[in-house]
Amino acid sequence: MPPLIAVFAAPAALDIAGVTAGWPVLEWLTKPLLAPVLAVHLWRRTGTAHVPVLAGLALAAAGDVALLLPGPAAFAAGLAFFLGAQLCWTAAFSRAGAWPYLRGRRVLCAVHLAVWAAAVAAMAPALGPVTGVAVACYGLALLTMALSARVLGTGAAWGGAVFVVSDLLVGLGAAGLDFTGRDVTVMVTYTAALALLVTAFAEGAGPDDRRGAQPDAGRGAESGASATRWGRASAGPARATPSPSVGGTRTHARTGVPGPGRRRQQP
């Protein structure tokens, strides 16, 4: 494990402990460190090769700080920062060849779009028109990032998927569907998602060496397809080589969506 990833694990664990115990001071001391530590790790491994990823981490750090504050203004600022982060990361995956990779996986994209539409429809009545539209836009950007992350291999694909789970749990809390342990699960998934996404770029994963990648959902009747499509990029973003396919509260520290639970502070 690279030293800075081990350093990241310490504030991540302490922040989760702060959420579990209900210690806001511990969250303030640890939450703002998460994205910057990963940014330093990525910069030390790749220099300026992944500027969009570094920009996304800077926006995520700003969002984490904004969402430690109570009130609707803090929530709006945090949502805007994280929207910017998702767009930056999507741009980075696009440079790695995400769009050619996804063009042959239309069914997979359609399934994700259907999940987004269902989640928005389910939460909209509880969120209200303004917040509902904002969350819907953010959710679409989040799902786009998660889909495009698949171009960089199994680790990035899991990172995108876990990020979606984290923010879906936030949405459930905002809609009044809380349950025991939701806030802790939100933070565990959030920190894991950040680490997985950054590690994929730091290790130079690419679309020609998908070591151990599971078959993509919705790829139709593809048979005997090898799961080794991702290679390590030796310099610059990797070029995608698609395989043949058929078919195509309370505001919590990270997101600030109003709703029950510890993840956000009530205005």
C-alpha atoms as a PDB file:
ATOM      1  CA  MET A   1       0.000   0.000   0.000  1.00  0.00           C
ATOM      2  CA  PRO A   2       1.489   3.397  -0.994  1.00  0.00           C
ATOM      3  CA  PRO A   3       2.313   5.521   2.067  1.00  0.00           C
ATOM      4  CA  LEU A   4      -0.160   8.290   1.235  1.00  0.00           C
ATOM      5  CA  ILE A   5      -2.990   5.803   0.794  1.00  0.00           C
ATOM      6  CA  ALA A   6      -2.175   4.571   4.305  1.00  0.00           C
ATOM      7  CA  VAL A   7      -2.223   8.193   5.464  1.00  0.00           C
ATOM      8  CA  PHE A   8      -5.636   8.592   3.837  1.00  0.00           C
ATOM      9  CA  ALA A   9      -6.950   5.574   5.752  1.00  0.00           C
ATOM     10  CA  ALA A  10      -6.256   7.273   9.099  1.00  0.00           C
ATOM     11  CA  PRO A  11      -8.461  10.383   8.697  1.00  0.00           C
ATOM     12  CA  ALA A  12     -11.048   8.269   6.882  1.00  0.00           C
ATOM     13  CA  ALA A  13     -11.313   5.913   9.851  1.00  0.00           C
ATOM     14  CA  LEU A  14     -11.371   8.801  12.319  1.00  0.00           C
ATOM     15  CA  ASP A  15     -14.073  10.592  10.370  1.00  0.00           C
ATOM     16  CA  ILE A  16     -16.218   7.453  10.303  1.00  0.00           C
ATOM     17  CA  ALA A  17     -15.643   7.134  14.045  1.00  0.00           C
ATOM     18  CA  GLY A  18     -16.760  10.736  14.482  1.00  0.00           C
ATOM     19  CA  VAL A  19     -19.966  10.060  12.543  1.00  0.00           C
ATOM     20  CA  THR A  20     -20.601   6.891  14.540  1.00  0.00           C
ATOM     21  CA  ALA A  21     -20.047   8.572  17.900  1.00  0.00           C
ATOM     22  CA  GLY A  22     -21.700  11.849  16.982  1.00  0.00           C
ATOM     23  CA  TRP A  23     -18.563  13.968  17.446  1.00  0.00           C
ATOM     24  CA  PRO A  24     -18.727  16.895  15.003  1.00  0.00           C
ATOM     25  CA  VAL A  25     -15.340  18.203  16.133  1.00  0.00           C
ATOM     26  CA  LEU A  26     -13.662  14.995  14.975  1.00  0.00           C
ATOM     27  CA  GLU A  27     -15.452  15.288  11.639  1.00  0.00           C
ATOM     28  CA  TRP A  28     -14.187  18.873  11.258  1.00  0.00           C
ATOM     29  CA  LEU A  29     -10.630  17.721  11.982  1.00  0.00           C
ATOM     30  CA  THR A  30     -10.626  14.835   9.524  1.00  0.00           C
ATOM     31  CA  LYS A  31     -13.162  15.358   6.715  1.00  0.00           C
ATOM     32  CA  PRO A  32     -11.348  18.286   5.026  1.00  0.00           C
ATOM     33  CA  LEU A  33      -8.167  16.156   4.787  1.00  0.00           C
ATOM     34  CA  LEU A  34      -9.573  13.281   2.723  1.00  0.00           C
ATOM     35  CA  ALA A  35      -9.545  14.645  -0.819  1.00  0.00           C
ATOM     36  CA  PRO A  36      -6.331  16.696  -0.393  1.00  0.00           C
ATOM     37  CA  VAL A  37      -4.379  13.641   0.789  1.00  0.00           C
ATOM     38  CA  LEU A  38      -5.530  11.702  -2.278  1.00  0.00           C
ATOM     39  CA  ALA A  39      -4.669  14.664  -4.507  1.00  0.00           C
ATOM     40  CA  VAL A  40      -1.109  14.730  -3.144  1.00  0.00           C
ATOM     41  CA  HIS A  41      -0.854  10.970  -3.694  1.00  0.00           C
ATOM     42  CA  LEU A  42      -2.004  11.285  -7.316  1.00  0.00           C
ATOM     43  CA  TRP A  43       0.270  14.246  -7.989  1.00  0.00           C
ATOM     44  CA  ARG A  44       3.302  12.429  -6.595  1.00  0.00           C
ATOM     45  CA  ARG A  45       2.567   9.378  -8.760  1.00  0.00           C
ATOM     46  CA  THR A  46       1.599  11.081 -12.034  1.00  0.00           C
ATOM     47  CA  GLY A  47       2.529  14.755 -11.814  1.00  0.00           C
ATOM     48  CA  THR A  48       0.185  16.894 -13.912  1.00  0.00           C
ATOM     49  CA  ALA A  49      -0.975  14.037 -16.153  1.00  0.00           C
ATOM     50  CA  HIS A  50      -4.430  14.064 -14.571  1.00  0.00           C
ATOM     51  CA  VAL A  51      -5.277  17.712 -13.990  1.00  0.00           C
ATOM     52  CA  PRO A  52      -9.068  17.139 -14.241  1.00  0.00           C
ATOM     53  CA  VAL A  53      -8.879  14.544 -11.473  1.00  0.00           C
ATOM     54  CA  LEU A  54      -6.887  16.926  -9.275  1.00  0.00           C
ATOM     55  CA  ALA A  55      -9.417  19.684  -9.978  1.00  0.00           C
ATOM     56  CA  GLY A  56     -12.241  17.318  -9.041  1.00  0.00           C
ATOM     57  CA  LEU A  57     -10.544  16.474  -5.761  1.00  0.00           C
ATOM     58  CA  ALA A  58     -10.123  20.179  -4.984  1.00  0.00           C
ATOM     59  CA  LEU A  59     -13.844  20.704  -5.598  1.00  0.00           C
ATOM     60  CA  ALA A  60     -14.691  17.674  -3.462  1.00  0.00           C
ATOM     61  CA  ALA A  61     -12.599  19.097  -0.614  1.00  0.00           C
ATOM     62  CA  ALA A  62     -14.419  22.427  -0.916  1.00  0.00           C
ATOM     63  CA  GLY A  63     -17.729  20.578  -0.952  1.00  0.00           C
ATOM     64  CA  ASP A  64     -16.828  18.616   2.163  1.00  0.00           C
ATOM     65  CA  VAL A  65     -16.036  21.841   4.017  1.00  0.00           C
ATOM     66  CA  ALA A  66     -19.193  23.586   2.792  1.00  0.00           C
ATOM     67  CA  LEU A  67     -21.358  20.680   3.846  1.00  0.00           C
ATOM     68  CA  LEU A  68     -19.982  20.657   7.356  1.00  0.00           C
ATOM     69  CA  LEU A  69     -21.949  23.875   7.769  1.00  0.00           C
ATOM     70  CA  PRO A  70     -25.689  23.994   8.464  1.00  0.00           C
ATOM     71  CA  GLY A  71     -28.344  25.615   6.337  1.00  0.00           C
ATOM     72  CA  PRO A  72     -29.708  25.539   2.794  1.00  0.00           C
ATOM     73  CA  ALA A  73     -27.028  27.900   1.484  1.00  0.00           C
ATOM     74  CA  ALA A  74     -24.302  25.502   2.613  1.00  0.00           C
ATOM     75  CA  PHE A  75     -26.177  22.614   1.016  1.00  0.00           C
ATOM     76  CA  ALA A  76     -26.490  24.489  -2.291  1.00  0.00           C
ATOM     77  CA  ALA A  77     -22.779  25.344  -2.264  1.00  0.00           C
ATOM     78  CA  GLY A  78     -21.811  21.777  -1.413  1.00  0.00           C
ATOM     79  CA  LEU A  79     -24.014  20.335  -4.138  1.00  0.00           C
ATOM     80  CA  ALA A  80     -22.488  22.751  -6.666  1.00  0.00           C
ATOM     81  CA  PHE A  81     -18.945  21.803  -5.628  1.00  0.00           C
ATOM     82  CA  PHE A  82     -19.659  18.090  -5.937  1.00  0.00           C
ATOM     83  CA  LEU A  83     -21.407  18.596  -9.264  1.00  0.00           C
ATOM     84  CA  GLY A  84     -18.223  20.257 -10.478  1.00  0.00           C
ATOM     85  CA  ALA A  85     -16.190  17.345  -9.138  1.00  0.00           C
ATOM     86  CA  GLN A  86     -18.305  14.797 -11.028  1.00  0.00           C
ATOM     87  CA  LEU A  87     -17.938  16.789 -14.246  1.00  0.00           C
ATOM     88  CA  CYS A  88     -14.145  16.985 -13.798  1.00  0.00           C
ATOM     89  CA  TRP A  89     -13.841  13.250 -13.219  1.00  0.00           C
ATOM     90  CA  THR A  90     -16.090  12.521 -16.196  1.00  0.00           C
ATOM     91  CA  ALA A  91     -13.809  14.697 -18.333  1.00  0.00           C
ATOM     92  CA  ALA A  92     -10.816  12.669 -17.118  1.00  0.00           C
ATOM     93  CA  PHE A  93     -12.514   9.393 -18.032  1.00  0.00           C
ATOM     94  CA  SER A  94     -13.467  10.887 -21.389  1.00  0.00           C
ATOM     95  CA  ARG A  95      -9.786  11.559 -22.066  1.00  0.00           C
ATOM     96  CA  ALA A  96      -9.161   7.882 -21.330  1.00  0.00           C
ATOM     97  CA  GLY A  97     -11.644   6.829 -24.013  1.00  0.00           C
ATOM     98  CA  ALA A  98     -14.901   6.478 -22.109  1.00  0.00           C
ATOM     99  CA  TRP A  99     -17.262   7.479 -24.920  1.00  0.00           C
ATOM    100  CA  PRO A 100     -16.031   4.989 -27.555  1.00  0.00           C
ATOM    101  CA  TYR A 101     -16.068   2.361 -24.813  1.00  0.00           C
ATOM    102  CA  LEU A 102     -19.678   3.118 -23.858  1.00  0.00           C
ATOM    103  CA  ARG A 103     -21.025   3.377 -27.403  1.00  0.00           C
ATOM    104  CA  GLY A 104     -21.046  -0.402 -27.609  1.00  0.00           C
ATOM    105  CA  ARG A 105     -22.846  -0.729 -24.287  1.00  0.00           C
ATOM    106  CA  ARG A 106     -26.115   1.054 -24.937  1.00  0.00           C
ATOM    107  CA  VAL A 107     -28.178  -1.387 -22.886  1.00  0.00           C
ATOM    108  CA  LEU A 108     -25.973  -0.795 -19.863  1.00  0.00           C
ATOM    109  CA  CYS A 109     -26.380   2.966 -20.276  1.00  0.00           C
ATOM    110  CA  ALA A 110     -30.148   2.587 -20.652  1.00  0.00           C
ATOM    111  CA  VAL A 111     -30.350   0.562 -17.436  1.00  0.00           C
ATOM    112  CA  HIS A 112     -28.447   3.257 -15.523  1.00  0.00           C
ATOM    113  CA  LEU A 113     -30.718   5.944 -16.975  1.00  0.00           C
ATOM    114  CA  ALA A 114     -33.795   3.981 -15.892  1.00  0.00           C
ATOM    115  CA  VAL A 115     -32.409   3.632 -12.360  1.00  0.00           C
ATOM    116  CA  TRP A 116     -31.769   7.393 -12.254  1.00  0.00           C
ATOM    117  CA  ALA A 117     -35.308   8.175 -13.446  1.00  0.00           C
ATOM    118  CA  ALA A 118     -36.852   5.793 -10.902  1.00  0.00           C
ATOM    119  CA  ALA A 119     -34.826   7.229  -8.017  1.00  0.00           C
ATOM    120  CA  VAL A 120     -35.683  10.810  -8.983  1.00  0.00           C
ATOM    121  CA  ALA A 121     -39.376   9.964  -9.281  1.00  0.00           C
ATOM    122  CA  ALA A 122     -39.383   8.247  -5.889  1.00  0.00           C
ATOM    123  CA  MET A 123     -37.622  11.066  -4.028  1.00  0.00           C
ATOM    124  CA  ALA A 124     -39.051  14.107  -5.818  1.00  0.00           C
ATOM    125  CA  PRO A 125     -42.264  14.442  -3.725  1.00  0.00           C
ATOM    126  CA  ALA A 126     -40.283  14.588  -0.484  1.00  0.00           C
ATOM    127  CA  LEU A 127     -37.533  16.850  -1.815  1.00  0.00           C
ATOM    128  CA  GLY A 128     -39.714  19.597  -3.266  1.00  0.00           C
ATOM    129  CA  PRO A 129     -39.409  21.175  -6.714  1.00  0.00           C
ATOM    130  CA  VAL A 130     -36.223  23.229  -6.303  1.00  0.00           C
ATOM    131  CA  THR A 131     -34.200  20.683  -4.359  1.00  0.00           C
ATOM    132  CA  GLY A 132     -35.648  17.885  -6.467  1.00  0.00           C
ATOM    133  CA  VAL A 133     -34.428  19.435  -9.717  1.00  0.00           C
ATOM    134  CA  ALA A 134     -30.991  20.146  -8.233  1.00  0.00           C
ATOM    135  CA  VAL A 135     -30.630  16.595  -6.938  1.00  0.00           C
ATOM    136  CA  ALA A 136     -31.854  15.175 -10.266  1.00  0.00           C
ATOM    137  CA  CYS A 137     -29.194  17.129 -12.174  1.00  0.00           C
ATOM    138  CA  TYR A 138     -26.507  16.056  -9.732  1.00  0.00           C
ATOM    139  CA  GLY A 139     -27.672  12.443  -9.921  1.00  0.00           C
ATOM    140  CA  LEU A 140     -27.441  12.442 -13.714  1.00  0.00           C
ATOM    141  CA  ALA A 141     -23.894  13.801 -13.550  1.00  0.00           C
ATOM    142  CA  LEU A 142     -23.022  11.192 -10.914  1.00  0.00           C
ATOM    143  CA  LEU A 143     -24.340   8.298 -13.001  1.00  0.00           C
ATOM    144  CA  THR A 144     -22.486   9.602 -16.047  1.00  0.00           C
ATOM    145  CA  MET A 145     -19.265   9.620 -14.045  1.00  0.00           C
ATOM    146  CA  ALA A 146     -19.921   6.096 -12.781  1.00  0.00           C
ATOM    147  CA  LEU A 147     -20.567   4.792 -16.289  1.00  0.00           C
ATOM    148  CA  SER A 148     -17.523   6.490 -17.793  1.00  0.00           C
ATOM    149  CA  ALA A 149     -15.323   5.199 -14.940  1.00  0.00           C
ATOM    150  CA  ARG A 150     -15.700   1.677 -16.326  1.00  0.00           C
ATOM    151  CA  VAL A 151     -13.174   2.514 -19.037  1.00  0.00           C
ATOM    152  CA  LEU A 152     -10.361   2.423 -16.449  1.00  0.00           C
ATOM    153  CA  GLY A 153     -10.964  -1.059 -15.140  1.00  0.00           C
ATOM    154  CA  THR A 154     -12.440  -2.946 -12.261  1.00  0.00           C
ATOM    155  CA  GLY A 155     -11.219  -0.618  -9.517  1.00  0.00           C
ATOM    156  CA  ALA A 156     -12.561   2.527 -11.159  1.00  0.00           C
ATOM    157  CA  ALA A 157     -15.822   0.784 -12.051  1.00  0.00           C
ATOM    158  CA  TRP A 158     -16.332  -0.200  -8.416  1.00  0.00           C
ATOM    159  CA  GLY A 159     -15.376   3.317  -7.330  1.00  0.00           C
ATOM    160  CA  GLY A 160     -18.060   4.841  -9.520  1.00  0.00           C
ATOM    161  CA  ALA A 161     -20.667   2.319  -8.434  1.00  0.00           C
ATOM    162  CA  VAL A 162     -19.895   2.774  -4.733  1.00  0.00           C
ATOM    163  CA  PHE A 163     -20.103   6.549  -5.142  1.00  0.00           C
ATOM    164  CA  VAL A 164     -23.606   6.107  -6.554  1.00  0.00           C
ATOM    165  CA  VAL A 165     -24.576   3.937  -3.581  1.00  0.00           C
ATOM    166  CA  SER A 166     -23.218   6.538  -1.153  1.00  0.00           C
ATOM    167  CA  ASP A 167     -25.219   9.378  -2.647  1.00  0.00           C
ATOM    168  CA  LEU A 168     -28.307   7.221  -3.101  1.00  0.00           C
ATOM    169  CA  LEU A 169     -28.251   6.627   0.649  1.00  0.00           C
ATOM    170  CA  VAL A 170     -28.009  10.381   1.132  1.00  0.00           C
ATOM    171  CA  GLY A 171     -31.044  10.833  -1.092  1.00  0.00           C
ATOM    172  CA  LEU A 172     -33.004   8.270   0.881  1.00  0.00           C
ATOM    173  CA  GLY A 173     -32.253  10.138   4.088  1.00  0.00           C
ATOM    174  CA  ALA A 174     -33.285  13.420   2.502  1.00  0.00           C
ATOM    175  CA  ALA A 175     -36.559  11.811   1.457  1.00  0.00           C
ATOM    176  CA  GLY A 176     -37.222  10.666   5.023  1.00  0.00           C
ATOM    177  CA  LEU A 177     -36.269   7.025   4.487  1.00  0.00           C
ATOM    178  CA  ASP A 178     -33.722   6.704   7.255  1.00  0.00           C
ATOM    179  CA  PHE A 179     -32.446   3.526   8.896  1.00  0.00           C
ATOM    180  CA  THR A 180     -29.930   2.552  11.540  1.00  0.00           C
ATOM    181  CA  GLY A 181     -26.361   2.798  10.320  1.00  0.00           C
ATOM    182  CA  ARG A 182     -27.186   4.762   7.176  1.00  0.00           C
ATOM    183  CA  ASP A 183     -24.842   7.638   7.993  1.00  0.00           C
ATOM    184  CA  VAL A 184     -21.917   5.356   8.769  1.00  0.00           C
ATOM    185  CA  THR A 185     -22.547   3.419   5.552  1.00  0.00           C
ATOM    186  CA  VAL A 186     -22.630   6.681   3.638  1.00  0.00           C
ATOM    187  CA  MET A 187     -19.192   7.659   4.885  1.00  0.00           C
ATOM    188  CA  VAL A 188     -17.669   4.208   4.425  1.00  0.00           C
ATOM    189  CA  THR A 189     -18.833   4.116   0.813  1.00  0.00           C
ATOM    190  CA  TYR A 190     -17.783   7.708   0.138  1.00  0.00           C
ATOM    191  CA  THR A 191     -14.223   7.251   1.365  1.00  0.00           C
ATOM    192  CA  ALA A 192     -13.923   3.905  -0.429  1.00  0.00           C
ATOM    193  CA  ALA A 193     -15.172   5.452  -3.683  1.00  0.00           C
ATOM    194  CA  LEU A 194     -12.639   8.285  -3.536  1.00  0.00           C
ATOM    195  CA  ALA A 195      -9.774   5.880  -2.881  1.00  0.00           C
ATOM    196  CA  LEU A 196     -10.800   3.515  -5.692  1.00  0.00           C
ATOM    197  CA  LEU A 197     -11.185   6.263  -8.277  1.00  0.00           C
ATOM    198  CA  VAL A 198      -7.888   7.952  -7.466  1.00  0.00           C
ATOM    199  CA  THR A 199      -6.000   4.658  -7.297  1.00  0.00           C
ATOM    200  CA  ALA A 200      -7.199   3.783 -10.813  1.00  0.00           C
ATOM    201  CA  PHE A 201      -5.546   6.924 -12.180  1.00  0.00           C
ATOM    202  CA  ALA A 202      -2.471   6.685  -9.969  1.00  0.00           C
ATOM    203  CA  GLU A 203      -1.767   3.135 -11.126  1.00  0.00           C
ATOM    204  CA  GLY A 204      -2.227   4.046 -14.767  1.00  0.00           C
ATOM    205  CA  ALA A 205      -5.137   1.696 -15.408  1.00  0.00           C
ATOM    206  CA  GLY A 206      -6.499   1.757 -18.925  1.00  0.00           C
ATOM    207  CA  PRO A 207      -9.050   0.139 -21.206  1.00  0.00           C
ATOM    208  CA  ASP A 208      -6.766  -2.585 -22.572  1.00  0.00           C
ATOM    209  CA  ASP A 209      -6.136  -4.410 -19.287  1.00  0.00           C
ATOM    210  CA  ARG A 210      -9.335  -5.015 -17.324  1.00  0.00           C
ATOM    211  CA  ARG A 211      -7.736  -7.611 -15.128  1.00  0.00           C
ATOM    212  CA  GLY A 212     -10.453  -9.492 -13.396  1.00  0.00           C
ATOM    213  CA  ALA A 213     -13.208  -7.178 -14.602  1.00  0.00           C
ATOM    214  CA  GLN A 214     -16.651  -8.681 -14.374  1.00  0.00           C
ATOM    215  CA  PRO A 215     -18.695  -8.825 -17.581  1.00  0.00           C
ATOM    216  CA  ASP A 216     -20.642  -5.662 -18.250  1.00  0.00           C
ATOM    217  CA  ALA A 217     -24.370  -5.840 -17.633  1.00  0.00           C
ATOM    218  CA  GLY A 218     -26.545  -5.358 -20.681  1.00  0.00           C
ATOM    219  CA  ARG A 219     -23.977  -6.415 -23.242  1.00  0.00           C
ATOM    220  CA  GLY A 220     -26.389  -8.859 -24.825  1.00  0.00           C
ATOM    221  CA  ALA A 221     -25.347 -12.297 -25.982  1.00  0.00           C
ATOM    222  CA  GLU A 222     -21.622 -11.765 -26.069  1.00  0.00           C
ATOM    223  CA  SER A 223     -20.026 -15.171 -25.597  1.00  0.00           C
ATOM    224  CA  GLY A 224     -16.515 -16.161 -24.685  1.00  0.00           C
ATOM    225  CA  ALA A 225     -15.441 -12.542 -24.455  1.00  0.00           C
ATOM    226  CA  SER A 226     -12.201 -12.024 -22.632  1.00  0.00           C
ATOM    227  CA  ALA A 227     -12.248  -9.766 -19.583  1.00  0.00           C
ATOM    228  CA  THR A 228      -8.826  -8.326 -20.330  1.00  0.00           C
ATOM    229  CA  ARG A 229      -9.504  -5.024 -22.022  1.00  0.00           C
ATOM    230  CA  TRP A 230      -7.590  -2.632 -19.811  1.00  0.00           C
ATOM    231  CA  GLY A 231      -3.931  -1.809 -20.066  1.00  0.00           C
ATOM    232  CA  ARG A 232      -1.643   0.401 -18.061  1.00  0.00           C
ATOM    233  CA  ALA A 233      -1.091   3.712 -19.771  1.00  0.00           C
ATOM    234  CA  SER A 234       2.608   4.363 -20.043  1.00  0.00           C
ATOM    235  CA  ALA A 235       2.151   7.989 -21.024  1.00  0.00           C
ATOM    236  CA  GLY A 236      -0.964  10.105 -21.288  1.00  0.00           C
ATOM    237  CA  PRO A 237      -4.554   8.898 -21.320  1.00  0.00           C
ATOM    238  CA  ALA A 238      -5.230   5.427 -22.626  1.00  0.00           C
ATOM    239  CA  ARG A 239      -7.181   4.984 -25.837  1.00  0.00           C
ATOM    240  CA  ALA A 240     -10.303   2.849 -25.483  1.00  0.00           C
ATOM    241  CA  THR A 241     -10.496  -0.369 -27.483  1.00  0.00           C
ATOM    242  CA  PRO A 242     -14.078  -1.637 -27.194  1.00  0.00           C
ATOM    243  CA  SER A 243     -14.639  -5.371 -27.374  1.00  0.00           C
ATOM    244  CA  PRO A 244     -17.173  -6.849 -29.779  1.00  0.00           C
ATOM    245  CA  SER A 245     -20.639  -6.838 -28.278  1.00  0.00           C
ATOM    246  CA  VAL A 246     -24.205  -7.531 -29.249  1.00  0.00           C
ATOM    247  CA  GLY A 247     -26.876  -4.988 -28.336  1.00  0.00           C
ATOM    248  CA  GLY A 248     -25.627  -2.586 -27.350  1.00  0.00           C
ATOM    249  CA  THR A 249     -32.590  16.085   7.633  1.00  0.00           C
ATOM    250  CA  ARG A 250     -29.991  16.781   9.197  1.00  0.00           C
ATOM    251  CA  THR A 251     -27.098  17.936   7.113  1.00  0.00           C
ATOM    252  CA  HIS A 252     -24.150  15.607   7.170  1.00  0.00           C
ATOM    253  CA  ALA A 253     -20.571  16.580   6.627  1.00  0.00           C
ATOM    254  CA  ARG A 254     -20.225  15.366   3.049  1.00  0.00           C
ATOM    255  CA  THR A 255     -23.300  16.277   1.027  1.00  0.00           C
ATOM    256  CA  GLY A 256     -25.496  18.504   3.131  1.00  0.00           C
ATOM    257  CA  VAL A 257     -28.810  17.240   1.757  1.00  0.00           C
ATOM    258  CA  PRO A 258     -31.507  18.108   4.300  1.00  0.00           C
ATOM    259  CA  GLY A 259     -32.980  15.059   5.913  1.00  0.00           C
ATOM    260  CA  PRO A 260     -32.806  12.808   8.951  1.00  0.00           C
ATOM    261  CA  GLY A 261     -29.626  11.227  10.134  1.00  0.00           C
ATOM    262  CA  ARG A 262     -26.125  12.451  10.848  1.00  0.00           C
ATOM    263  CA  ARG A 263     -24.939  13.190   7.360  1.00  0.00           C
ATOM    264  CA  ARG A 264     -26.120  16.777   7.265  1.00  0.00           C
ATOM    265  CA  GLN A 265     -26.999  19.558   9.684  1.00  0.00           C
ATOM    266  CA  GLN A 266     -30.554  20.915   9.777  1.00  0.00           C
ATOM    267  CA  PRO A 267     -30.794  24.592   8.764  1.00  0.00           C
END
